Amino acid sequence: MVSGVLAALFGIALFPLVLVFPPVYWPWSLLIMAACGATVGLTVPRPLPRGAFVAAALVAVTVVVTIGVGRLSRNFGVDLAAVLYWIRWLYFPVLVGAMFGAMARARLGLPRGAAAAAAATLLIGAGGAVLEVVLAPRDVAAIPYCERDPTCPREPCWMMAERRRLFAWESVVAFDDQQISCAYTAWGGLHIGTVTAGARESRWDDGDWPSFVAGRGR
């Protein structure tokens, strides 16, 4: 009973996360989904492999609740493609976490299993942040440094990237008197897009990660 209620509550809690911070531009949301799954898995007291099946069923409850809230609020589409899209990016990250949580409890017990899950989450989170910095493209020479200045040459990048630059590493990969290009690298070192701005036009081009998540070519 406790596991089922917790799975449903996490389903409700994950809805605003995936709505505001979908994995297409915020890959770290996948880690949060997995952490929620690990918490659900830790509540399963049964030994493996039965505990793993119970955890998978609880993950299904979480996903159904999230999609249900999205439908009731009219934020998720009703067509099969939209449902399959959200099942793919909700079920599998949460399932991975739930399997880890159930396995950790079965082998280590609840206190030590919870500690192991928390440590793994922090380690993976820190590793993804390091990769974001390390794998980001290097800035070109003589880039403009300015903040809160509407005349800053980087302003078109900020305007075009909008919320997508939140928690992303911005690299100025091209800059001259005619145009500027800013690349954005998200958690895990994943390239989410590039802004190219000039006197005539400014545009955002999806990177490899959004193209992969959305299942479309660039």
C-alpha atoms as a PDB file:
ATOM      1  CA  MET A   1       0.000   0.000   0.000  1.00  0.00           C
ATOM      2  CA  VAL A   2       2.747   2.456   0.959  1.00  0.00           C
ATOM      3  CA  SER A   3       4.674   1.669  -2.226  1.00  0.00           C
ATOM      4  CA  GLY A   4       1.618   2.211  -4.417  1.00  0.00           C
ATOM      5  CA  VAL A   5       0.738   5.532  -2.780  1.00  0.00           C
ATOM      6  CA  LEU A   6       4.335   6.704  -3.083  1.00  0.00           C
ATOM      7  CA  ALA A   7       4.459   5.684  -6.749  1.00  0.00           C
ATOM      8  CA  ALA A   8       1.282   7.678  -7.428  1.00  0.00           C
ATOM      9  CA  LEU A   9       2.611  10.713  -5.565  1.00  0.00           C
ATOM     10  CA  PHE A  10       5.825  10.615  -7.551  1.00  0.00           C
ATOM     11  CA  GLY A  11       3.730  10.418 -10.708  1.00  0.00           C
ATOM     12  CA  ILE A  12       2.041  13.672  -9.725  1.00  0.00           C
ATOM     13  CA  ALA A  13       5.354  15.266  -8.736  1.00  0.00           C
ATOM     14  CA  LEU A  14       7.063  14.306 -11.993  1.00  0.00           C
ATOM     15  CA  PHE A  15       4.417  16.000 -14.134  1.00  0.00           C
ATOM     16  CA  PRO A  16       5.588  19.605 -13.550  1.00  0.00           C
ATOM     17  CA  LEU A  17       9.201  18.456 -13.888  1.00  0.00           C
ATOM     18  CA  VAL A  18       8.786  16.942 -17.353  1.00  0.00           C
ATOM     19  CA  LEU A  19       6.464  19.747 -18.409  1.00  0.00           C
ATOM     20  CA  VAL A  20       8.825  22.605 -17.489  1.00  0.00           C
ATOM     21  CA  PHE A  21      12.137  20.739 -17.782  1.00  0.00           C
ATOM     22  CA  PRO A  22      11.639  17.992 -20.389  1.00  0.00           C
ATOM     23  CA  PRO A  23      14.669  15.801 -21.141  1.00  0.00           C
ATOM     24  CA  VAL A  24      14.860  17.165 -24.665  1.00  0.00           C
ATOM     25  CA  TYR A  25      16.698  20.252 -23.342  1.00  0.00           C
ATOM     26  CA  TRP A  26      17.377  19.369 -19.708  1.00  0.00           C
ATOM     27  CA  PRO A  27      19.014  15.901 -19.612  1.00  0.00           C
ATOM     28  CA  TRP A  28      19.510  16.136 -15.828  1.00  0.00           C
ATOM     29  CA  SER A  29      15.757  15.587 -15.462  1.00  0.00           C
ATOM     30  CA  LEU A  30      16.448  11.944 -16.367  1.00  0.00           C
ATOM     31  CA  LEU A  31      18.558  11.651 -13.216  1.00  0.00           C
ATOM     32  CA  ILE A  32      15.745  13.077 -11.112  1.00  0.00           C
ATOM     33  CA  MET A  33      13.331  10.568 -12.641  1.00  0.00           C
ATOM     34  CA  ALA A  34      15.746   7.742 -11.837  1.00  0.00           C
ATOM     35  CA  ALA A  35      16.114   9.027  -8.263  1.00  0.00           C
ATOM     36  CA  CYS A  36      12.328   8.973  -7.863  1.00  0.00           C
ATOM     37  CA  GLY A  37      12.315   5.426  -9.195  1.00  0.00           C
ATOM     38  CA  ALA A  38      15.057   4.414  -6.754  1.00  0.00           C
ATOM     39  CA  THR A  39      12.979   5.748  -3.873  1.00  0.00           C
ATOM     40  CA  VAL A  40      10.006   3.698  -5.017  1.00  0.00           C
ATOM     41  CA  GLY A  41      12.205   0.624  -5.420  1.00  0.00           C
ATOM     42  CA  LEU A  42      13.525   1.014  -1.880  1.00  0.00           C
ATOM     43  CA  THR A  43       9.995   0.636  -0.527  1.00  0.00           C
ATOM     44  CA  VAL A  44       9.683  -2.871  -1.991  1.00  0.00           C
ATOM     45  CA  PRO A  45      10.490  -5.316   0.830  1.00  0.00           C
ATOM     46  CA  ARG A  46      10.331  -8.473  -1.259  1.00  0.00           C
ATOM     47  CA  PRO A  47      13.466 -10.347  -2.401  1.00  0.00           C
ATOM     48  CA  LEU A  48      14.607 -10.549  -5.992  1.00  0.00           C
ATOM     49  CA  PRO A  49      13.388 -11.405  -8.573  1.00  0.00           C
ATOM     50  CA  ARG A  50       9.842 -10.931  -7.283  1.00  0.00           C
ATOM     51  CA  GLY A  51      10.744  -7.530  -5.879  1.00  0.00           C
ATOM     52  CA  ALA A  52      11.948  -6.446  -9.312  1.00  0.00           C
ATOM     53  CA  PHE A  53       8.587  -7.296 -10.871  1.00  0.00           C
ATOM     54  CA  VAL A  54       6.773  -5.379  -8.131  1.00  0.00           C
ATOM     55  CA  ALA A  55       9.056  -2.393  -8.690  1.00  0.00           C
ATOM     56  CA  ALA A  56       8.373  -2.476 -12.446  1.00  0.00           C
ATOM     57  CA  ALA A  57       4.623  -2.508 -11.763  1.00  0.00           C
ATOM     58  CA  LEU A  58       4.979   0.471  -9.430  1.00  0.00           C
ATOM     59  CA  VAL A  59       6.899   2.348 -12.125  1.00  0.00           C
ATOM     60  CA  ALA A  60       3.980   1.716 -14.470  1.00  0.00           C
ATOM     61  CA  VAL A  61       1.693   3.323 -11.862  1.00  0.00           C
ATOM     62  CA  THR A  62       3.986   6.360 -11.706  1.00  0.00           C
ATOM     63  CA  VAL A  63       4.026   6.768 -15.483  1.00  0.00           C
ATOM     64  CA  VAL A  64       0.268   6.303 -15.855  1.00  0.00           C
ATOM     65  CA  VAL A  65      -0.380   8.929 -13.186  1.00  0.00           C
ATOM     66  CA  THR A  66       2.040  11.399 -14.819  1.00  0.00           C
ATOM     67  CA  ILE A  67       0.486  10.941 -18.254  1.00  0.00           C
ATOM     68  CA  GLY A  68      -3.001  11.066 -16.711  1.00  0.00           C
ATOM     69  CA  VAL A  69      -2.281  14.398 -15.022  1.00  0.00           C
ATOM     70  CA  GLY A  70      -0.855  15.679 -18.274  1.00  0.00           C
ATOM     71  CA  ARG A  71      -3.988  14.684 -20.126  1.00  0.00           C
ATOM     72  CA  LEU A  72      -6.355  16.121 -17.523  1.00  0.00           C
ATOM     73  CA  SER A  73      -4.478  19.409 -17.632  1.00  0.00           C
ATOM     74  CA  ARG A  74      -4.461  19.276 -21.445  1.00  0.00           C
ATOM     75  CA  ASN A  75      -0.685  19.507 -21.640  1.00  0.00           C
ATOM     76  CA  PHE A  76      -0.065  16.073 -23.191  1.00  0.00           C
ATOM     77  CA  GLY A  77      -1.385  14.988 -26.568  1.00  0.00           C
ATOM     78  CA  VAL A  78      -3.836  12.148 -26.990  1.00  0.00           C
ATOM     79  CA  ASP A  79      -2.365  10.604 -30.141  1.00  0.00           C
ATOM     80  CA  LEU A  80      -0.439   7.351 -29.940  1.00  0.00           C
ATOM     81  CA  ALA A  81       2.867   8.944 -30.956  1.00  0.00           C
ATOM     82  CA  ALA A  82       2.689  11.435 -28.076  1.00  0.00           C
ATOM     83  CA  VAL A  83       1.813   8.723 -25.547  1.00  0.00           C
ATOM     84  CA  LEU A  84       4.651   6.480 -26.745  1.00  0.00           C
ATOM     85  CA  TYR A  85       7.048   9.425 -26.579  1.00  0.00           C
ATOM     86  CA  TRP A  86       6.243  10.089 -22.933  1.00  0.00           C
ATOM     87  CA  ILE A  87       6.263   6.406 -22.023  1.00  0.00           C
ATOM     88  CA  ARG A  88       9.775   6.126 -23.469  1.00  0.00           C
ATOM     89  CA  TRP A  89      11.168   9.124 -21.608  1.00  0.00           C
ATOM     90  CA  LEU A  90       9.290   8.469 -18.378  1.00  0.00           C
ATOM     91  CA  TYR A  91       9.142   4.718 -17.913  1.00  0.00           C
ATOM     92  CA  PHE A  92      12.713   3.708 -18.678  1.00  0.00           C
ATOM     93  CA  PRO A  93      14.584   6.278 -16.533  1.00  0.00           C
ATOM     94  CA  VAL A  94      12.254   5.623 -13.598  1.00  0.00           C
ATOM     95  CA  LEU A  95      12.516   1.867 -14.194  1.00  0.00           C
ATOM     96  CA  VAL A  96      16.322   1.939 -14.067  1.00  0.00           C
ATOM     97  CA  GLY A  97      16.186   3.766 -10.750  1.00  0.00           C
ATOM     98  CA  ALA A  98      13.514   1.436  -9.364  1.00  0.00           C
ATOM     99  CA  MET A  99      15.542  -1.652 -10.273  1.00  0.00           C
ATOM    100  CA  PHE A 100      18.584  -0.190  -8.550  1.00  0.00           C
ATOM    101  CA  GLY A 101      16.550   0.703  -5.466  1.00  0.00           C
ATOM    102  CA  ALA A 102      14.928  -2.719  -5.227  1.00  0.00           C
ATOM    103  CA  MET A 103      18.282  -4.463  -5.705  1.00  0.00           C
ATOM    104  CA  ALA A 104      19.988  -2.236  -3.127  1.00  0.00           C
ATOM    105  CA  ARG A 105      17.326  -2.974  -0.517  1.00  0.00           C
ATOM    106  CA  ALA A 106      17.329  -6.710  -1.243  1.00  0.00           C
ATOM    107  CA  ARG A 107      21.106  -6.984  -0.873  1.00  0.00           C
ATOM    108  CA  LEU A 108      21.973  -4.257   1.635  1.00  0.00           C
ATOM    109  CA  GLY A 109      18.795  -3.677   3.598  1.00  0.00           C
ATOM    110  CA  LEU A 110      16.813  -0.444   3.743  1.00  0.00           C
ATOM    111  CA  PRO A 111      19.249   1.904   5.575  1.00  0.00           C
ATOM    112  CA  ARG A 112      22.376   0.882   3.681  1.00  0.00           C
ATOM    113  CA  GLY A 113      20.448   0.538   0.424  1.00  0.00           C
ATOM    114  CA  ALA A 114      19.082   4.075   0.777  1.00  0.00           C
ATOM    115  CA  ALA A 115      22.596   5.361   1.492  1.00  0.00           C
ATOM    116  CA  ALA A 116      23.929   3.561  -1.579  1.00  0.00           C
ATOM    117  CA  ALA A 117      21.165   5.013  -3.761  1.00  0.00           C
ATOM    118  CA  ALA A 118      21.789   8.539  -2.447  1.00  0.00           C
ATOM    119  CA  ALA A 119      25.542   8.201  -2.981  1.00  0.00           C
ATOM    120  CA  ALA A 120      25.051   6.898  -6.519  1.00  0.00           C
ATOM    121  CA  THR A 121      22.695   9.781  -7.337  1.00  0.00           C
ATOM    122  CA  LEU A 122      25.147  12.387  -6.059  1.00  0.00           C
ATOM    123  CA  LEU A 123      28.058  10.751  -7.850  1.00  0.00           C
ATOM    124  CA  ILE A 124      26.233  10.547 -11.176  1.00  0.00           C
ATOM    125  CA  GLY A 125      24.958  14.111 -10.771  1.00  0.00           C
ATOM    126  CA  ALA A 126      28.450  15.437 -10.086  1.00  0.00           C
ATOM    127  CA  GLY A 127      29.901  13.395 -12.932  1.00  0.00           C
ATOM    128  CA  GLY A 128      27.361  14.825 -15.356  1.00  0.00           C
ATOM    129  CA  ALA A 129      28.182  18.368 -14.227  1.00  0.00           C
ATOM    130  CA  VAL A 130      31.889  17.746 -14.765  1.00  0.00           C
ATOM    131  CA  LEU A 131      31.249  16.355 -18.241  1.00  0.00           C
ATOM    132  CA  GLU A 132      29.184  19.443 -19.045  1.00  0.00           C
ATOM    133  CA  VAL A 133      32.188  21.656 -18.378  1.00  0.00           C
ATOM    134  CA  VAL A 134      34.844  19.375 -19.848  1.00  0.00           C
ATOM    135  CA  LEU A 135      33.032  18.520 -23.092  1.00  0.00           C
ATOM    136  CA  ALA A 136      31.714  22.016 -23.814  1.00  0.00           C
ATOM    137  CA  PRO A 137      33.346  23.680 -26.854  1.00  0.00           C
ATOM    138  CA  ARG A 138      36.072  26.161 -26.031  1.00  0.00           C
ATOM    139  CA  ASP A 139      35.416  29.884 -26.447  1.00  0.00           C
ATOM    140  CA  VAL A 140      37.044  31.674 -29.330  1.00  0.00           C
ATOM    141  CA  ALA A 141      39.504  34.447 -28.576  1.00  0.00           C
ATOM    142  CA  ALA A 142      38.392  37.965 -27.662  1.00  0.00           C
ATOM    143  CA  ILE A 143      34.785  37.097 -26.794  1.00  0.00           C
ATOM    144  CA  PRO A 144      32.630  39.800 -25.175  1.00  0.00           C
ATOM    145  CA  TYR A 145      32.056  39.534 -21.414  1.00  0.00           C
ATOM    146  CA  CYS A 146      29.012  41.450 -20.274  1.00  0.00           C
ATOM    147  CA  GLU A 147      25.888  40.809 -18.223  1.00  0.00           C
ATOM    148  CA  ARG A 148      22.607  42.698 -17.921  1.00  0.00           C
ATOM    149  CA  ASP A 149      23.563  44.984 -20.760  1.00  0.00           C
ATOM    150  CA  PRO A 150      21.072  45.263 -23.648  1.00  0.00           C
ATOM    151  CA  THR A 151      23.887  46.381 -25.963  1.00  0.00           C
ATOM    152  CA  CYS A 152      26.023  43.306 -25.248  1.00  0.00           C
ATOM    153  CA  PRO A 153      26.882  41.343 -28.422  1.00  0.00           C
ATOM    154  CA  ARG A 154      25.827  38.161 -26.586  1.00  0.00           C
ATOM    155  CA  GLU A 155      22.285  39.465 -26.062  1.00  0.00           C
ATOM    156  CA  PRO A 156      20.934  37.772 -29.243  1.00  0.00           C
ATOM    157  CA  CYS A 157      22.223  34.438 -27.914  1.00  0.00           C
ATOM    158  CA  TRP A 158      20.410  34.924 -24.637  1.00  0.00           C
ATOM    159  CA  MET A 159      17.214  35.991 -26.375  1.00  0.00           C
ATOM    160  CA  MET A 160      17.199  33.030 -28.760  1.00  0.00           C
ATOM    161  CA  ALA A 161      18.295  30.402 -26.218  1.00  0.00           C
ATOM    162  CA  GLU A 162      15.731  31.626 -23.653  1.00  0.00           C
ATOM    163  CA  ARG A 163      15.087  29.030 -20.937  1.00  0.00           C
ATOM    164  CA  ARG A 164      17.187  26.445 -22.726  1.00  0.00           C
ATOM    165  CA  ARG A 165      20.356  28.130 -21.488  1.00  0.00           C
ATOM    166  CA  LEU A 166      19.256  27.531 -17.879  1.00  0.00           C
ATOM    167  CA  PHE A 167      21.848  25.243 -16.216  1.00  0.00           C
ATOM    168  CA  ALA A 168      23.625  24.904 -19.582  1.00  0.00           C
ATOM    169  CA  TRP A 169      27.221  25.884 -20.366  1.00  0.00           C
ATOM    170  CA  GLU A 170      27.385  28.686 -22.918  1.00  0.00           C
ATOM    171  CA  SER A 171      30.350  28.742 -25.298  1.00  0.00           C
ATOM    172  CA  VAL A 172      30.948  31.469 -27.867  1.00  0.00           C
ATOM    173  CA  VAL A 173      32.228  29.427 -30.800  1.00  0.00           C
ATOM    174  CA  ALA A 174      32.274  32.244 -33.396  1.00  0.00           C
ATOM    175  CA  PHE A 175      32.388  36.006 -33.057  1.00  0.00           C
ATOM    176  CA  ASP A 176      33.181  38.870 -35.407  1.00  0.00           C
ATOM    177  CA  ASP A 177      31.667  42.146 -36.552  1.00  0.00           C
ATOM    178  CA  GLN A 178      29.010  40.344 -38.579  1.00  0.00           C
ATOM    179  CA  GLN A 179      27.681  37.545 -36.363  1.00  0.00           C
ATOM    180  CA  ILE A 180      28.028  35.561 -33.174  1.00  0.00           C
ATOM    181  CA  SER A 181      27.442  31.865 -32.521  1.00  0.00           C
ATOM    182  CA  CYS A 182      26.819  30.432 -29.057  1.00  0.00           C
ATOM    183  CA  ALA A 183      26.775  26.695 -28.350  1.00  0.00           C
ATOM    184  CA  TYR A 184      24.955  25.252 -25.326  1.00  0.00           C
ATOM    185  CA  THR A 185      26.117  22.124 -23.549  1.00  0.00           C
ATOM    186  CA  ALA A 186      23.853  20.540 -20.944  1.00  0.00           C
ATOM    187  CA  TRP A 187      24.394  18.087 -18.098  1.00  0.00           C
ATOM    188  CA  GLY A 188      26.346  15.051 -19.154  1.00  0.00           C
ATOM    189  CA  GLY A 189      28.216  16.983 -21.837  1.00  0.00           C
ATOM    190  CA  LEU A 190      25.266  16.766 -24.234  1.00  0.00           C
ATOM    191  CA  HIS A 191      25.041  19.414 -26.948  1.00  0.00           C
ATOM    192  CA  ILE A 192      21.508  20.806 -26.918  1.00  0.00           C
ATOM    193  CA  GLY A 193      21.781  23.535 -29.510  1.00  0.00           C
ATOM    194  CA  THR A 194      23.486  26.528 -31.096  1.00  0.00           C
ATOM    195  CA  VAL A 195      22.380  30.115 -31.595  1.00  0.00           C
ATOM    196  CA  THR A 196      23.619  31.937 -34.679  1.00  0.00           C
ATOM    197  CA  ALA A 197      22.858  35.658 -34.662  1.00  0.00           C
ATOM    198  CA  GLY A 198      23.704  38.309 -37.214  1.00  0.00           C
ATOM    199  CA  ALA A 199      22.479  41.610 -38.542  1.00  0.00           C
ATOM    200  CA  ARG A 200      19.799  39.998 -40.704  1.00  0.00           C
ATOM    201  CA  GLU A 201      18.595  37.012 -38.722  1.00  0.00           C
ATOM    202  CA  SER A 202      18.988  35.007 -35.548  1.00  0.00           C
ATOM    203  CA  ARG A 203      18.162  31.346 -35.234  1.00  0.00           C
ATOM    204  CA  TRP A 204      18.314  28.388 -32.864  1.00  0.00           C
ATOM    205  CA  ASP A 205      19.488  25.040 -34.220  1.00  0.00           C
ATOM    206  CA  ASP A 206      18.851  21.903 -32.193  1.00  0.00           C
ATOM    207  CA  GLY A 207      21.911  19.904 -31.226  1.00  0.00           C
ATOM    208  CA  ASP A 208      22.441  16.158 -31.360  1.00  0.00           C
ATOM    209  CA  TRP A 209      20.659  15.437 -28.058  1.00  0.00           C
ATOM    210  CA  PRO A 210      17.293  17.136 -28.858  1.00  0.00           C
ATOM    211  CA  SER A 211      17.367  15.545 -32.305  1.00  0.00           C
ATOM    212  CA  PHE A 212      17.879  12.123 -30.714  1.00  0.00           C
ATOM    213  CA  VAL A 213      15.226  12.601 -28.025  1.00  0.00           C
ATOM    214  CA  ALA A 214      12.616  13.945 -30.414  1.00  0.00           C
ATOM    215  CA  GLY A 215      13.445  11.309 -33.004  1.00  0.00           C
ATOM    216  CA  ARG A 216      13.999  13.742 -35.835  1.00  0.00           C
ATOM    217  CA  GLY A 217      16.910  14.769 -37.996  1.00  0.00           C
ATOM    218  CA  ARG A 218      18.634  18.070 -37.661  1.00  0.00           C
END
